[in-house]
Amino acid sequence: MIQNYEKAKQILTQYHQEHLLSFYDELDTMQKQQLVNQICDIDFDQIFDLYEASKIDEVIPPSFIEPLSYKVKAQLTDDEIAYYEAIGMDAILHSKCAMVMMAGGQGTRLGYKGPKGTFELDIVPKKSLFEIACDRLKDFQEKFHVTIPWYIMTSVYNDTATRSFFEEKNFFGYPRDSVFFFKQSQLPLIDIYGNLILEEIYKVKEVSNGNGDVFTSMRQGGILDDMKMKKIEWIFFAGVDNVLLKIIDPLLLGLTIRHHRVIGSKTLLKKNAEDKDWIFARRNGKPSIINSCHLTDEMKIAKNKDGNYLYREINMLAHLFHISALDKITQVSLPYHRAFKKNTFVNEEGMKQVPESPNTFKFETFIFDAFSLFDDLELLRVEEEEEYAPIKDFNGAHNPELAKELYEKKYHLK
């Protein structure tokens, strides 16, 4: 008898999820054990608590919202930039900095099979997103003789392929003992009827639980301990898909150090007040990112005495944390958010079915929810054409062709 089968069956009966064993008799011994083990490992209380809690719409009274101060790079003088960059470079040159890259996604929305970081930008010569990021790290190594530790968060789905890719490419010439991989956690999906779904007849569908999981995954993967052993003090966080981002930025670092803060972030200007982008603001006195729907019409266009908008700074997934901040964050649980997504599933006949519209709820945490654990953060607005060319999907606003064009323009490749 397959070990834990009765336990799995009891769990599913308790939570009315018996359908997950519908095809059990069709499985071979290994598949049966895989499915039973997975069911026994799922925290059903957690997933259904999240499902129920997410039905309640968040309400933030405008009186709870205040602006956050920020710097605009374009408004800093050359002397100011040089001053802050010198502070940041001092920390970099003393080997106090590291890079964490979130690369758990697949290239599905690009029509690409494989880890998103292995997707190649069609420049001459072609370069993967990983190599483009590595070029930035190699610049510091070649110009300043400092090797910045590079920590890469993968997922269950792409960890093996990502590691193999780095081996195949000989780590792009970067010291392999300075590149570290760790895996992001997952949570099951739940459909509109409150049921978990199958990815295969022997496997419950689970997906990565948001970029906010990076903190917990770092702790569980021994990354925090490794950073402390290396006496790392400042850690830059970024996604893998932005080909223009200055992933190690001495200016943001210098500003954050000089103003005695332990977290910092780069922002972009929200150009249209009615766009749905979330914005940086204080919520209940703490730094946060909030949905623009909670702003009044007056707040959406409000400006400070210098003529800068108060509520137009949007997130571009470029953050900076002191090691002490990470220690604090990893001691708490960040809130989960619900997203409604399309996901392929195994239907009642045991066949894979592709839905025509969103059919499942995904629960994920976000890095920016950690900001509220602190009293302040350093914000630096940068120009979109200088630092923002993410590759999100094949035909959308942030597509590979546009990213290629912006990359070639910035680096004078044409």
Protein backbone atom coordinates (compact mmCIF):
# COMPACT_ATOMS: atom_id res chain seq x y z
CA MET A 1 0.00 0.00 0.00
CA ILE A 2 1.23 3.48 -0.85
CA GLN A 3 2.52 5.16 2.29
CA ASN A 4 0.26 7.95 3.64
CA TYR A 5 -2.65 7.14 1.27
CA GLU A 6 -5.19 6.91 4.09
CA LYS A 7 -3.88 10.12 5.62
CA ALA A 8 -4.20 11.92 2.27
CA LYS A 9 -7.70 10.59 1.76
CA GLN A 10 -8.74 11.74 5.24
CA ILE A 11 -7.33 15.23 4.60
CA LEU A 12 -9.16 15.57 1.30
CA THR A 13 -12.44 14.43 2.84
CA GLN A 14 -12.07 17.01 5.59
CA TYR A 15 -11.62 19.83 3.07
CA HIS A 16 -14.01 18.46 0.40
CA GLN A 17 -11.21 17.99 -2.12
CA GLU A 18 -11.68 14.30 -2.88
CA HIS A 19 -11.51 15.01 -6.63
CA LEU A 20 -7.72 15.26 -6.35
CA LEU A 21 -7.62 11.47 -6.11
CA SER A 22 -10.05 10.89 -8.99
CA PHE A 23 -7.40 9.27 -11.19
CA TYR A 24 -5.45 7.52 -8.46
CA ASP A 25 -6.14 4.01 -9.77
CA GLU A 26 -4.69 4.96 -13.17
CA LEU A 27 -1.32 5.97 -11.75
CA ASP A 28 1.83 3.90 -11.50
CA THR A 29 3.44 3.33 -8.11
CA MET A 30 5.80 6.31 -8.34
CA GLN A 31 3.04 8.70 -9.42
CA LYS A 32 0.77 7.48 -6.62
CA GLN A 33 3.46 8.17 -4.04
CA GLN A 34 4.19 11.60 -5.54
CA LEU A 35 0.55 12.66 -5.40
CA VAL A 36 -0.03 11.31 -1.88
CA ASN A 37 3.11 13.00 -0.56
CA GLN A 38 2.16 16.31 -2.13
CA ILE A 39 -1.34 16.23 -0.65
CA CYS A 40 0.06 15.48 2.80
CA ASP A 41 2.48 18.42 2.51
CA ILE A 42 -0.12 21.03 1.50
CA ASP A 43 -1.30 23.38 4.26
CA PHE A 44 -5.02 23.28 3.46
CA ASP A 45 -5.89 25.52 6.41
CA GLN A 46 -3.60 28.22 5.02
CA ILE A 47 -4.92 28.11 1.46
CA PHE A 48 -8.58 28.22 2.50
CA ASP A 49 -7.95 30.95 5.09
CA LEU A 50 -6.33 33.00 2.32
CA TYR A 51 -9.24 32.29 0.00
CA GLU A 52 -11.82 33.47 2.52
CA ALA A 53 -9.84 36.52 3.62
CA SER A 54 -9.28 37.64 0.04
CA LYS A 55 -13.02 38.01 -0.54
CA ILE A 56 -12.99 41.15 1.57
CA ASP A 57 -12.12 44.27 -0.45
CA GLU A 58 -9.48 46.46 1.12
CA VAL A 59 -10.61 49.96 2.10
CA ILE A 60 -8.09 52.71 2.91
CA PRO A 61 -9.66 56.03 3.97
CA PRO A 62 -7.89 58.98 2.28
CA SER A 63 -7.16 60.39 5.75
CA PHE A 64 -4.84 57.41 6.32
CA ILE A 65 -2.73 58.32 3.26
CA GLU A 66 0.14 60.80 3.20
CA PRO A 67 2.89 61.52 0.66
CA LEU A 68 6.41 60.10 0.87
CA SER A 69 9.40 62.29 0.15
CA TYR A 70 11.62 61.37 -2.78
CA LYS A 71 14.54 62.58 -4.84
CA VAL A 72 14.39 63.10 -8.60
CA LYS A 73 17.66 62.11 -10.23
CA ALA A 74 17.14 64.57 -13.08
CA GLN A 75 16.87 67.41 -10.56
CA LEU A 76 20.11 66.61 -8.72
CA THR A 77 23.18 68.65 -9.62
CA ASP A 78 26.33 66.99 -10.93
CA ASP A 79 28.02 67.76 -7.61
CA GLU A 80 25.20 66.15 -5.65
CA ILE A 81 25.30 63.03 -7.79
CA ALA A 82 29.07 62.78 -7.44
CA TYR A 83 28.81 63.23 -3.66
CA TYR A 84 26.23 60.49 -3.14
CA GLU A 85 27.83 58.12 -5.66
CA ALA A 86 31.15 58.43 -3.83
CA ILE A 87 29.45 57.26 -0.63
CA GLY A 88 27.86 54.35 -2.46
CA MET A 89 31.06 53.39 -4.25
CA ASP A 90 32.93 53.27 -0.96
CA ALA A 91 30.55 50.55 0.27
CA ILE A 92 30.81 48.68 -3.05
CA LEU A 93 34.61 48.82 -3.13
CA HIS A 94 34.79 47.47 0.42
CA SER A 95 32.80 44.38 -0.69
CA LYS A 96 29.75 45.27 1.36
CA CYS A 97 27.19 44.75 -1.42
CA ALA A 98 25.39 41.81 -3.01
CA MET A 99 22.77 41.29 -5.69
CA VAL A 100 19.56 39.25 -5.40
CA MET A 101 17.81 38.53 -8.68
CA MET A 102 14.28 37.14 -8.80
CA ALA A 103 14.19 34.73 -11.72
CA GLY A 104 11.58 32.11 -10.89
CA GLY A 105 9.43 32.73 -13.94
CA GLN A 106 9.08 30.91 -17.21
CA GLY A 107 9.04 32.56 -20.63
CA THR A 108 5.49 31.40 -21.36
CA ARG A 109 4.09 34.88 -22.08
CA LEU A 110 6.91 35.38 -24.56
CA GLY A 111 6.03 32.20 -26.40
CA TYR A 112 9.32 30.84 -25.12
CA LYS A 113 9.94 27.47 -23.49
CA GLY A 114 12.41 27.75 -20.66
CA PRO A 115 13.35 29.97 -17.72
CA LYS A 116 12.67 33.60 -18.51
CA GLY A 117 16.24 34.55 -17.64
CA THR A 118 17.51 32.38 -20.50
CA PHE A 119 15.46 34.32 -23.07
CA GLU A 120 17.78 36.04 -25.52
CA LEU A 121 17.53 39.68 -26.59
CA ASP A 122 17.96 39.88 -30.36
CA ILE A 123 21.02 42.13 -30.32
CA VAL A 124 24.40 41.42 -31.93
CA PRO A 125 25.65 39.21 -30.48
CA LYS A 126 22.52 37.80 -28.85
CA LYS A 127 22.50 37.88 -25.06
CA SER A 128 20.23 36.24 -22.53
CA LEU A 129 18.63 38.29 -19.76
CA PHE A 130 21.00 36.59 -17.32
CA GLU A 131 24.04 37.61 -19.36
CA ILE A 132 22.85 41.22 -19.64
CA ALA A 133 22.61 41.35 -15.83
CA CYS A 134 25.99 39.67 -15.49
CA ASP A 135 27.56 42.32 -17.75
CA ARG A 136 26.75 44.91 -15.10
CA LEU A 137 28.40 42.83 -12.37
CA LYS A 138 31.44 42.19 -14.55
CA ASP A 139 31.84 45.95 -15.06
CA PHE A 140 32.52 46.34 -11.35
CA GLN A 141 34.86 43.38 -11.40
CA GLU A 142 36.88 44.66 -14.36
CA LYS A 143 36.94 48.36 -13.48
CA PHE A 144 37.20 48.22 -9.70
CA HIS A 145 38.45 44.67 -8.96
CA VAL A 146 35.50 43.85 -6.74
CA THR A 147 33.39 40.71 -7.17
CA ILE A 148 29.78 41.19 -6.12
CA PRO A 149 28.02 38.02 -4.86
CA TRP A 150 25.06 37.19 -7.10
CA TYR A 151 22.12 35.33 -5.53
CA ILE A 152 19.45 34.06 -7.93
CA MET A 153 15.98 32.98 -6.81
CA THR A 154 14.62 30.23 -9.05
CA SER A 155 11.45 28.16 -8.79
CA VAL A 156 10.58 24.49 -8.64
CA TYR A 157 9.75 24.71 -12.34
CA ASN A 158 12.98 26.26 -13.59
CA ASP A 159 15.69 25.59 -11.01
CA THR A 160 17.32 22.65 -12.81
CA ALA A 161 17.14 24.32 -16.22
CA THR A 162 18.58 27.57 -14.83
CA ARG A 163 21.53 25.85 -13.19
CA SER A 164 22.20 23.86 -16.36
CA PHE A 165 22.12 27.05 -18.43
CA PHE A 166 24.74 28.69 -16.24
CA GLU A 167 26.94 25.61 -16.53
CA GLU A 168 26.48 25.54 -20.30
CA LYS A 169 27.45 29.23 -20.56
CA ASN A 170 30.35 28.84 -18.12
CA PHE A 171 28.67 31.39 -15.86
CA PHE A 172 29.32 34.06 -18.53
CA GLY A 173 32.89 34.31 -17.32
CA TYR A 174 31.81 35.38 -13.83
CA PRO A 175 33.40 33.52 -10.88
CA ARG A 176 31.11 30.54 -10.29
CA ASP A 177 31.86 30.56 -6.57
CA SER A 178 30.19 33.99 -6.44
CA VAL A 179 26.89 32.80 -7.96
CA PHE A 180 24.31 31.15 -5.70
CA PHE A 181 20.88 29.68 -6.42
CA PHE A 182 17.93 29.25 -4.08
CA LYS A 183 14.34 28.20 -4.72
CA GLN A 184 11.11 30.09 -4.19
CA SER A 185 8.19 28.43 -2.39
CA GLN A 186 4.83 27.55 -3.96
CA LEU A 187 1.14 27.49 -3.09
CA PRO A 188 -1.75 25.61 -4.71
CA LEU A 189 -4.20 27.41 -6.97
CA ILE A 190 -7.88 27.38 -6.15
CA ASP A 191 -10.70 27.71 -8.68
CA ILE A 192 -13.89 29.78 -8.55
CA TYR A 193 -15.72 26.89 -6.90
CA GLY A 194 -13.24 26.64 -4.04
CA ASN A 195 -11.45 23.58 -5.42
CA LEU A 196 -7.76 22.94 -5.85
CA ILE A 197 -6.90 21.86 -9.38
CA LEU A 198 -4.67 19.21 -10.94
CA GLU A 199 -1.77 20.07 -13.23
CA GLU A 200 -1.36 16.40 -14.13
CA ILE A 201 -3.50 13.47 -13.00
CA TYR A 202 -0.74 12.78 -10.46
CA LYS A 203 0.10 16.37 -9.47
CA VAL A 204 -1.75 19.24 -7.75
CA LYS A 205 -1.19 22.54 -9.54
CA GLU A 206 1.04 24.84 -7.50
CA VAL A 207 2.64 28.15 -8.50
CA SER A 208 5.21 30.49 -7.02
CA ASN A 209 3.81 32.59 -4.20
CA GLY A 210 5.01 36.05 -5.20
CA ASN A 211 8.28 37.98 -5.02
CA GLY A 212 7.69 38.73 -1.33
CA ASP A 213 8.62 35.11 -0.65
CA VAL A 214 12.22 36.01 -1.46
CA PHE A 215 12.87 36.88 2.20
CA THR A 216 11.63 33.58 3.62
CA SER A 217 13.33 31.63 0.84
CA MET A 218 16.62 33.41 1.53
CA ARG A 219 16.47 32.44 5.17
CA GLN A 220 15.45 28.85 4.48
CA GLY A 221 18.05 28.49 1.73
CA GLY A 222 20.90 29.67 3.94
CA ILE A 223 21.40 32.83 1.88
CA LEU A 224 21.16 35.22 4.83
CA ASP A 225 23.73 33.21 6.75
CA ASP A 226 26.04 33.24 3.74
CA MET A 227 25.71 37.02 3.42
CA LYS A 228 26.54 37.52 7.08
CA MET A 229 29.55 35.26 6.78
CA LYS A 230 30.74 37.43 3.87
CA LYS A 231 30.02 40.58 5.94
CA ILE A 232 27.58 41.85 3.32
CA GLU A 233 25.72 44.97 4.50
CA TRP A 234 23.67 46.12 1.49
CA ILE A 235 21.64 43.98 -0.87
CA PHE A 236 20.13 45.11 -4.16
CA PHE A 237 16.96 43.33 -5.32
CA ALA A 238 15.67 43.24 -8.89
CA GLY A 239 13.73 41.15 -11.37
CA VAL A 240 15.47 39.41 -14.23
CA ASP A 241 13.59 41.04 -17.10
CA ASN A 242 14.57 44.74 -17.04
CA VAL A 243 17.46 45.06 -19.51
CA LEU A 244 18.20 48.72 -18.70
CA LEU A 245 18.20 48.61 -14.92
CA LYS A 246 21.32 49.71 -13.04
CA ILE A 247 21.15 46.72 -10.74
CA ILE A 248 24.04 47.94 -8.59
CA ASP A 249 23.50 51.68 -8.26
CA PRO A 250 25.96 53.70 -6.16
CA LEU A 251 23.63 56.72 -6.27
CA LEU A 252 20.68 54.98 -4.59
CA LEU A 253 23.10 53.34 -2.17
CA GLY A 254 24.79 56.61 -1.30
CA LEU A 255 21.49 58.41 -0.75
CA THR A 256 20.22 55.62 1.50
CA ILE A 257 23.41 55.50 3.57
CA ARG A 258 23.71 59.29 3.87
CA HIS A 259 20.12 59.67 5.05
CA HIS A 260 20.49 56.88 7.63
CA ARG A 261 17.84 54.61 6.16
CA VAL A 262 17.89 50.83 5.88
CA ILE A 263 15.72 50.44 2.77
CA GLY A 264 15.56 52.26 -0.54
CA SER A 265 13.80 51.96 -3.87
CA LYS A 266 13.87 53.40 -7.36
CA THR A 267 10.66 54.80 -8.80
CA LEU A 268 9.23 55.99 -12.09
CA LEU A 269 6.88 58.90 -12.67
CA LYS A 270 3.26 57.89 -13.18
CA LYS A 271 2.42 60.09 -16.14
CA ASN A 272 -1.34 59.64 -16.26
CA ALA A 273 -3.25 60.20 -13.02
CA GLU A 274 -5.91 57.68 -14.05
CA ASP A 275 -3.51 54.82 -14.79
CA LYS A 276 -3.96 51.81 -12.51
CA ASP A 277 -0.33 51.65 -11.34
CA TRP A 278 0.11 51.43 -7.60
CA ILE A 279 1.97 54.34 -6.01
CA PHE A 280 4.35 54.93 -3.11
CA ALA A 281 2.75 56.70 -0.13
CA ARG A 282 2.53 56.60 3.61
CA ARG A 283 -0.24 54.45 4.97
CA ASN A 284 -0.98 54.86 8.67
CA GLY A 285 2.32 56.68 8.93
CA LYS A 286 4.38 53.86 7.40
CA PRO A 287 5.88 53.67 3.90
CA SER A 288 3.81 51.56 1.56
CA ILE A 289 2.62 51.03 -1.99
CA ILE A 290 -1.11 51.47 -2.44
CA ASN A 291 -3.68 51.10 -5.18
CA SER A 292 -4.46 54.46 -6.79
CA CYS A 293 -8.17 53.75 -6.38
CA HIS A 294 -7.80 54.80 -2.75
CA LEU A 295 -6.76 58.34 -3.73
CA THR A 296 -9.22 61.19 -4.11
CA ASP A 297 -9.27 63.15 -7.37
CA GLU A 298 -7.49 66.02 -5.59
CA MET A 299 -4.74 63.74 -4.30
CA LYS A 300 -4.09 62.35 -7.77
CA ILE A 301 -3.03 65.76 -9.05
CA ALA A 302 -1.62 67.29 -5.84
CA LYS A 303 1.89 68.79 -6.00
CA ASN A 304 4.46 69.98 -3.48
CA LYS A 305 6.02 73.45 -3.32
CA ASP A 306 8.61 72.44 -5.92
CA GLY A 307 5.95 71.47 -8.42
CA ASN A 308 6.48 67.72 -8.08
CA TYR A 309 3.51 65.40 -7.75
CA LEU A 310 2.88 63.99 -4.29
CA TYR A 311 1.33 60.70 -5.36
CA ARG A 312 2.88 59.70 -8.69
CA GLU A 313 5.88 57.53 -7.76
CA ILE A 314 5.40 53.97 -9.02
CA ASN A 315 7.27 50.75 -8.32
CA MET A 316 9.81 49.44 -10.87
CA LEU A 317 11.08 46.45 -8.84
CA ALA A 318 14.46 47.91 -7.94
CA HIS A 319 14.99 47.82 -4.18
CA LEU A 320 17.79 48.10 -1.65
CA PHE A 321 17.87 46.57 1.85
CA HIS A 322 20.39 46.67 4.67
CA ILE A 323 21.15 43.26 6.16
CA SER A 324 19.55 44.38 9.45
CA ALA A 325 16.31 45.09 7.58
CA LEU A 326 16.33 41.59 6.13
CA ASP A 327 16.80 40.16 9.60
CA LYS A 328 13.69 42.01 10.72
CA ILE A 329 11.59 41.12 7.68
CA THR A 330 12.32 37.40 7.90
CA GLN A 331 10.85 37.29 11.40
CA VAL A 332 7.34 38.21 10.21
CA SER A 333 4.80 36.94 7.69
CA LEU A 334 3.92 39.29 4.86
CA PRO A 335 0.26 39.56 3.80
CA TYR A 336 -1.02 37.66 0.78
CA HIS A 337 -2.82 39.22 -2.17
CA ARG A 338 -5.22 37.46 -4.52
CA ALA A 339 -4.90 37.51 -8.31
CA PHE A 340 -7.40 36.05 -10.77
CA LYS A 341 -5.54 34.18 -13.55
CA LYS A 342 -6.03 31.75 -16.42
CA ASN A 343 -4.50 28.35 -15.72
CA THR A 344 -4.62 25.08 -17.60
CA PHE A 345 -6.13 22.24 -15.55
CA VAL A 346 -7.04 18.56 -15.72
CA ASN A 347 -10.80 18.23 -16.27
CA GLU A 348 -13.19 15.53 -15.10
CA GLU A 349 -12.20 13.29 -18.01
CA GLY A 350 -8.54 13.49 -17.10
CA MET A 351 -7.72 15.69 -20.08
CA LYS A 352 -5.82 18.99 -19.92
CA GLN A 353 -8.10 21.93 -20.59
CA VAL A 354 -7.10 25.48 -21.49
CA PRO A 355 -9.67 27.98 -20.15
CA GLU A 356 -10.88 30.89 -22.29
CA SER A 357 -10.97 33.29 -19.33
CA PRO A 358 -9.48 33.53 -15.81
CA ASN A 359 -10.48 30.49 -13.78
CA THR A 360 -8.23 30.34 -10.72
CA PHE A 361 -7.08 32.42 -7.80
CA LYS A 362 -3.39 32.78 -7.07
CA PHE A 363 -2.10 33.97 -3.70
CA GLU A 364 1.14 35.90 -3.57
CA THR A 365 3.19 38.16 -1.33
CA PHE A 366 4.98 41.27 -2.55
CA ILE A 367 8.34 42.71 -1.57
CA PHE A 368 6.88 46.16 -1.06
CA ASP A 369 4.69 44.99 1.81
CA ALA A 370 7.90 44.76 3.85
CA PHE A 371 8.29 48.55 3.66
CA SER A 372 5.61 49.09 6.30
CA LEU A 373 7.87 47.46 8.92
CA PHE A 374 10.04 50.58 8.84
CA ASP A 375 9.58 54.27 9.55
CA ASP A 376 10.98 55.54 6.27
CA LEU A 377 12.67 54.60 3.04
CA GLU A 378 14.79 56.37 0.46
CA LEU A 379 13.06 56.93 -2.88
CA LEU A 380 14.89 57.89 -6.06
CA ARG A 381 12.97 58.64 -9.23
CA VAL A 382 14.85 57.73 -12.40
CA GLU A 383 14.00 58.30 -16.04
CA GLU A 384 12.15 55.54 -17.85
CA GLU A 385 14.31 55.76 -20.98
CA GLU A 386 17.45 55.34 -18.87
CA GLU A 387 16.49 52.45 -16.61
CA TYR A 388 13.23 50.81 -17.56
CA ALA A 389 12.84 48.32 -20.40
CA PRO A 390 11.34 45.14 -18.94
CA ILE A 391 10.32 42.24 -21.16
CA LYS A 392 6.88 41.13 -19.99
CA ASP A 393 5.18 39.51 -22.96
CA PHE A 394 5.50 39.17 -26.71
CA ASN A 395 2.92 41.71 -27.91
CA GLY A 396 2.25 43.98 -24.94
CA ALA A 397 3.60 47.40 -24.04
CA HIS A 398 6.80 45.86 -22.66
CA ASN A 399 7.85 43.54 -25.46
CA PRO A 400 11.23 42.19 -26.65
CA GLU A 401 11.36 44.45 -29.74
CA LEU A 402 10.98 47.63 -27.69
CA ALA A 403 13.48 46.39 -25.11
CA LYS A 404 15.96 45.70 -27.90
CA GLU A 405 15.47 49.18 -29.34
CA LEU A 406 15.98 50.89 -25.98
CA TYR A 407 18.97 48.71 -25.10
CA GLU A 408 20.69 49.43 -28.42
CA LYS A 409 20.02 53.15 -28.01
CA LYS A 410 21.45 53.26 -24.49
CA TYR A 411 24.58 51.30 -25.35
CA HIS A 412 25.03 52.85 -28.80
CA LEU A 413 24.91 49.51 -30.58
CA LYS A 414 23.56 51.04 -33.79
